[in-house]
């Protein structure tokens, strides 16, 4: 969410919109996981979640987000294995979906970093400014 606000402040509306949608998706993931843990009579340990490293610029934001998604995908994959071992199909399916969504986020970040490398940061950022015809 903070990256969305920062990008909006910099005038990078397209990037801000992407980060906003991503933050909503992550909030929904957290809600689904919390609901599942509570359904299983567990206690959600929210304080154990990873710290978000705020990037000072858009490239750092993309890199930091990608690193967090890579770690998240690995955690979800571990969860899938554990759920399969204990035969918890519903939790396994939840984690499998989240792995796919994390991989999509990683793919997006890799594509953005490739674009930055190919066209330069200035040209990339120029593409992220809403030309007035957007939302």
C-alpha atoms as a PDB file:
ATOM      1  CA  UNK A   1       0.000   0.000   0.000  1.00  0.00           C
ATOM      2  CA  UNK A   2       2.811   2.396   0.841  1.00  0.00           C
ATOM      3  CA  UNK A   3       4.399   1.876  -2.582  1.00  0.00           C
ATOM      4  CA  UNK A   4       1.075   2.794  -4.186  1.00  0.00           C
ATOM      5  CA  UNK A   5       0.913   6.022  -2.192  1.00  0.00           C
ATOM      6  CA  UNK A   6       4.534   6.880  -2.973  1.00  0.00           C
ATOM      7  CA  UNK A   7       4.086   6.275  -6.705  1.00  0.00           C
ATOM      8  CA  UNK A   8       0.901   8.336  -6.731  1.00  0.00           C
ATOM      9  CA  UNK A   9       2.791  11.154  -5.015  1.00  0.00           C
ATOM     10  CA  UNK A  10       5.466  10.940  -7.736  1.00  0.00           C
ATOM     11  CA  UNK A  11       2.789  11.097 -10.456  1.00  0.00           C
ATOM     12  CA  UNK A  12       3.267   7.465 -11.495  1.00  0.00           C
ATOM     13  CA  UNK A  13      -0.432   6.592 -11.593  1.00  0.00           C
ATOM     14  CA  UNK A  14      -0.155   3.343 -13.565  1.00  0.00           C
ATOM     15  CA  UNK A  15       2.426   1.964 -11.161  1.00  0.00           C
ATOM     16  CA  UNK A  16       0.406   3.284  -8.198  1.00  0.00           C
ATOM     17  CA  UNK A  17      -2.707   1.506  -9.497  1.00  0.00           C
ATOM     18  CA  UNK A  18      -0.762  -1.741  -9.851  1.00  0.00           C
ATOM     19  CA  UNK A  19       0.576  -1.533  -6.298  1.00  0.00           C
ATOM     20  CA  UNK A  20      -2.855  -0.664  -4.934  1.00  0.00           C
ATOM     21  CA  UNK A  21      -4.413  -3.721  -6.595  1.00  0.00           C
ATOM     22  CA  UNK A  22      -1.513  -5.833  -5.338  1.00  0.00           C
ATOM     23  CA  UNK A  23      -2.006  -4.584  -1.769  1.00  0.00           C
ATOM     24  CA  UNK A  24      -5.714  -5.460  -1.900  1.00  0.00           C
ATOM     25  CA  UNK A  25      -4.805  -8.944  -3.160  1.00  0.00           C
ATOM     26  CA  UNK A  26      -2.303  -9.396  -0.321  1.00  0.00           C
ATOM     27  CA  UNK A  27      -4.897  -8.250   2.216  1.00  0.00           C
ATOM     28  CA  UNK A  28      -7.309 -10.851   0.838  1.00  0.00           C
ATOM     29  CA  UNK A  29      -4.599 -13.514   1.124  1.00  0.00           C
ATOM     30  CA  UNK A  30      -4.055 -12.578   4.758  1.00  0.00           C
ATOM     31  CA  UNK A  31      -7.795 -12.686   5.406  1.00  0.00           C
ATOM     32  CA  UNK A  32      -8.145 -16.132   3.826  1.00  0.00           C
ATOM     33  CA  UNK A  33      -5.202 -17.510   5.787  1.00  0.00           C
ATOM     34  CA  UNK A  34      -6.462 -16.013   9.053  1.00  0.00           C
ATOM     35  CA  UNK A  35      -9.963 -17.383   8.416  1.00  0.00           C
ATOM     36  CA  UNK A  36      -8.544 -20.841   7.690  1.00  0.00           C
ATOM     37  CA  UNK A  37      -6.365 -20.822  10.817  1.00  0.00           C
ATOM     38  CA  UNK A  38      -9.325 -19.743  12.956  1.00  0.00           C
ATOM     39  CA  UNK A  39     -11.522 -22.417  11.344  1.00  0.00           C
ATOM     40  CA  UNK A  40      -8.908 -24.977  12.391  1.00  0.00           C
ATOM     41  CA  UNK A  41      -9.017 -23.535  15.952  1.00  0.00           C
ATOM     42  CA  UNK A  42      -5.531 -22.082  15.615  1.00  0.00           C
ATOM     43  CA  UNK A  43      -4.204 -18.700  16.646  1.00  0.00           C
ATOM     44  CA  UNK A  44      -2.938 -16.527  13.774  1.00  0.00           C
ATOM     45  CA  UNK A  45       0.578 -15.227  14.498  1.00  0.00           C
ATOM     46  CA  UNK A  46       0.396 -11.945  12.599  1.00  0.00           C
ATOM     47  CA  UNK A  47       3.553 -10.558  14.209  1.00  0.00           C
ATOM     48  CA  UNK A  48       5.612 -13.222  12.433  1.00  0.00           C
ATOM     49  CA  UNK A  49       4.932 -11.822   8.977  1.00  0.00           C
ATOM     50  CA  UNK A  50       7.824 -10.427   6.987  1.00  0.00           C
ATOM     51  CA  UNK A  51       8.717  -6.785   7.237  1.00  0.00           C
ATOM     52  CA  UNK A  52       8.077  -4.821   4.061  1.00  0.00           C
ATOM     53  CA  UNK A  53      11.208  -3.067   2.836  1.00  0.00           C
ATOM     54  CA  UNK A  54      10.086   0.265   1.436  1.00  0.00           C
ATOM     55  CA  UNK A  55      11.931   1.182  -1.737  1.00  0.00           C
ATOM     56  CA  UNK A  56      13.305   4.696  -2.101  1.00  0.00           C
ATOM     57  CA  UNK A  57      12.507   4.650  -5.820  1.00  0.00           C
ATOM     58  CA  UNK A  58      10.329   2.601  -8.193  1.00  0.00           C
ATOM     59  CA  UNK A  59      13.111   0.189  -9.202  1.00  0.00           C
ATOM     60  CA  UNK A  60      13.886  -0.599  -5.556  1.00  0.00           C
ATOM     61  CA  UNK A  61      10.185  -1.059  -4.906  1.00  0.00           C
ATOM     62  CA  UNK A  62       9.955  -3.611  -7.701  1.00  0.00           C
ATOM     63  CA  UNK A  63      13.097  -5.436  -6.521  1.00  0.00           C
ATOM     64  CA  UNK A  64      11.964  -5.494  -2.885  1.00  0.00           C
ATOM     65  CA  UNK A  65       8.492  -6.656  -3.842  1.00  0.00           C
ATOM     66  CA  UNK A  66       9.911  -9.423  -5.995  1.00  0.00           C
ATOM     67  CA  UNK A  67      12.159 -10.628  -3.168  1.00  0.00           C
ATOM     68  CA  UNK A  68       9.174 -10.722  -0.821  1.00  0.00           C
ATOM     69  CA  UNK A  69       7.076 -12.633  -3.376  1.00  0.00           C
ATOM     70  CA  UNK A  70       9.884 -15.162  -3.940  1.00  0.00           C
ATOM     71  CA  UNK A  71      10.053 -15.780  -0.204  1.00  0.00           C
ATOM     72  CA  UNK A  72       6.254 -15.971  -0.045  1.00  0.00           C
ATOM     73  CA  UNK A  73       6.073 -18.494  -2.885  1.00  0.00           C
ATOM     74  CA  UNK A  74       8.636 -20.682  -1.107  1.00  0.00           C
ATOM     75  CA  UNK A  75       6.625 -20.474   2.123  1.00  0.00           C
ATOM     76  CA  UNK A  76       3.393 -21.345   0.307  1.00  0.00           C
ATOM     77  CA  UNK A  77       5.145 -24.291  -1.402  1.00  0.00           C
ATOM     78  CA  UNK A  78       6.287 -25.548   2.005  1.00  0.00           C
ATOM     79  CA  UNK A  79       2.699 -25.156   3.192  1.00  0.00           C
ATOM     80  CA  UNK A  80       1.406 -27.165   0.231  1.00  0.00           C
ATOM     81  CA  UNK A  81       3.758 -30.032   1.129  1.00  0.00           C
ATOM     82  CA  UNK A  82       2.766 -29.953   4.796  1.00  0.00           C
ATOM     83  CA  UNK A  83      -0.941 -29.843   3.977  1.00  0.00           C
ATOM     84  CA  UNK A  84      -0.541 -32.821   1.638  1.00  0.00           C
ATOM     85  CA  UNK A  85       1.260 -34.774   4.379  1.00  0.00           C
ATOM     86  CA  UNK A  86      -1.519 -34.143   6.917  1.00  0.00           C
ATOM     87  CA  UNK A  87      -4.248 -34.587   4.271  1.00  0.00           C
ATOM     88  CA  UNK A  88      -5.679 -31.070   4.676  1.00  0.00           C
ATOM     89  CA  UNK A  89      -7.020 -30.648   1.152  1.00  0.00           C
ATOM     90  CA  UNK A  90      -8.744 -27.286   1.672  1.00  0.00           C
ATOM     91  CA  UNK A  91      -5.617 -25.638   3.092  1.00  0.00           C
ATOM     92  CA  UNK A  92      -3.475 -27.236   0.372  1.00  0.00           C
ATOM     93  CA  UNK A  93      -5.724 -25.847  -2.359  1.00  0.00           C
ATOM     94  CA  UNK A  94      -5.628 -22.397  -0.742  1.00  0.00           C
ATOM     95  CA  UNK A  95      -1.824 -22.469  -0.646  1.00  0.00           C
ATOM     96  CA  UNK A  96      -1.583 -23.780  -4.223  1.00  0.00           C
ATOM     97  CA  UNK A  97      -3.647 -20.841  -5.468  1.00  0.00           C
ATOM     98  CA  UNK A  98      -1.454 -18.434  -3.541  1.00  0.00           C
ATOM     99  CA  UNK A  99       1.692 -19.981  -5.048  1.00  0.00           C
ATOM    100  CA  UNK A 100       0.290 -19.304  -8.521  1.00  0.00           C
ATOM    101  CA  UNK A 101      -0.582 -15.704  -7.616  1.00  0.00           C
ATOM    102  CA  UNK A 102       2.890 -15.148  -6.132  1.00  0.00           C
ATOM    103  CA  UNK A 103       4.482 -16.548  -9.281  1.00  0.00           C
ATOM    104  CA  UNK A 104       2.389 -14.145 -11.370  1.00  0.00           C
ATOM    105  CA  UNK A 105       3.647 -11.248  -9.231  1.00  0.00           C
ATOM    106  CA  UNK A 106       7.235 -12.456  -9.630  1.00  0.00           C
ATOM    107  CA  UNK A 107       6.741 -12.679 -13.396  1.00  0.00           C
ATOM    108  CA  UNK A 108       5.356  -9.108 -13.464  1.00  0.00           C
ATOM    109  CA  UNK A 109       8.328  -7.813 -11.445  1.00  0.00           C
ATOM    110  CA  UNK A 110      10.836  -9.593 -13.682  1.00  0.00           C
ATOM    111  CA  UNK A 111       9.154  -8.100 -16.751  1.00  0.00           C
ATOM    112  CA  UNK A 112       9.289  -4.589 -15.247  1.00  0.00           C
ATOM    113  CA  UNK A 113      12.977  -4.959 -14.388  1.00  0.00           C
ATOM    114  CA  UNK A 114      13.654  -6.191 -17.938  1.00  0.00           C
ATOM    115  CA  UNK A 115      11.829  -3.151 -19.325  1.00  0.00           C
ATOM    116  CA  UNK A 116      13.876  -0.837 -17.104  1.00  0.00           C
ATOM    117  CA  UNK A 117      17.062  -2.506 -18.315  1.00  0.00           C
ATOM    118  CA  UNK A 118      16.027  -2.279 -21.984  1.00  0.00           C
ATOM    119  CA  UNK A 119      14.591   1.230 -22.106  1.00  0.00           C
ATOM    120  CA  UNK A 120      16.226   2.931 -19.142  1.00  0.00           C
ATOM    121  CA  UNK A 121      14.557   4.099 -15.969  1.00  0.00           C
ATOM    122  CA  UNK A 122      13.527   7.488 -17.376  1.00  0.00           C
ATOM    123  CA  UNK A 123      11.639   5.989 -20.323  1.00  0.00           C
ATOM    124  CA  UNK A 124      10.113   3.320 -18.094  1.00  0.00           C
ATOM    125  CA  UNK A 125       8.852   5.918 -15.633  1.00  0.00           C
ATOM    126  CA  UNK A 126       7.456   8.032 -18.474  1.00  0.00           C
ATOM    127  CA  UNK A 127       5.295   5.022 -19.379  1.00  0.00           C
ATOM    128  CA  UNK A 128       3.941   4.886 -15.814  1.00  0.00           C
ATOM    129  CA  UNK A 129       2.474   8.397 -15.887  1.00  0.00           C
ATOM    130  CA  UNK A 130      -1.248   8.525 -16.598  1.00  0.00           C
ATOM    131  CA  UNK A 131      -1.778  10.651 -19.672  1.00  0.00           C
ATOM    132  CA  UNK A 132      -5.106  11.928 -18.391  1.00  0.00           C
ATOM    133  CA  UNK A 133      -7.244   9.288 -20.070  1.00  0.00           C
ATOM    134  CA  UNK A 134      -6.947   6.761 -17.261  1.00  0.00           C
ATOM    135  CA  UNK A 135      -8.966   6.069 -14.152  1.00  0.00           C
END
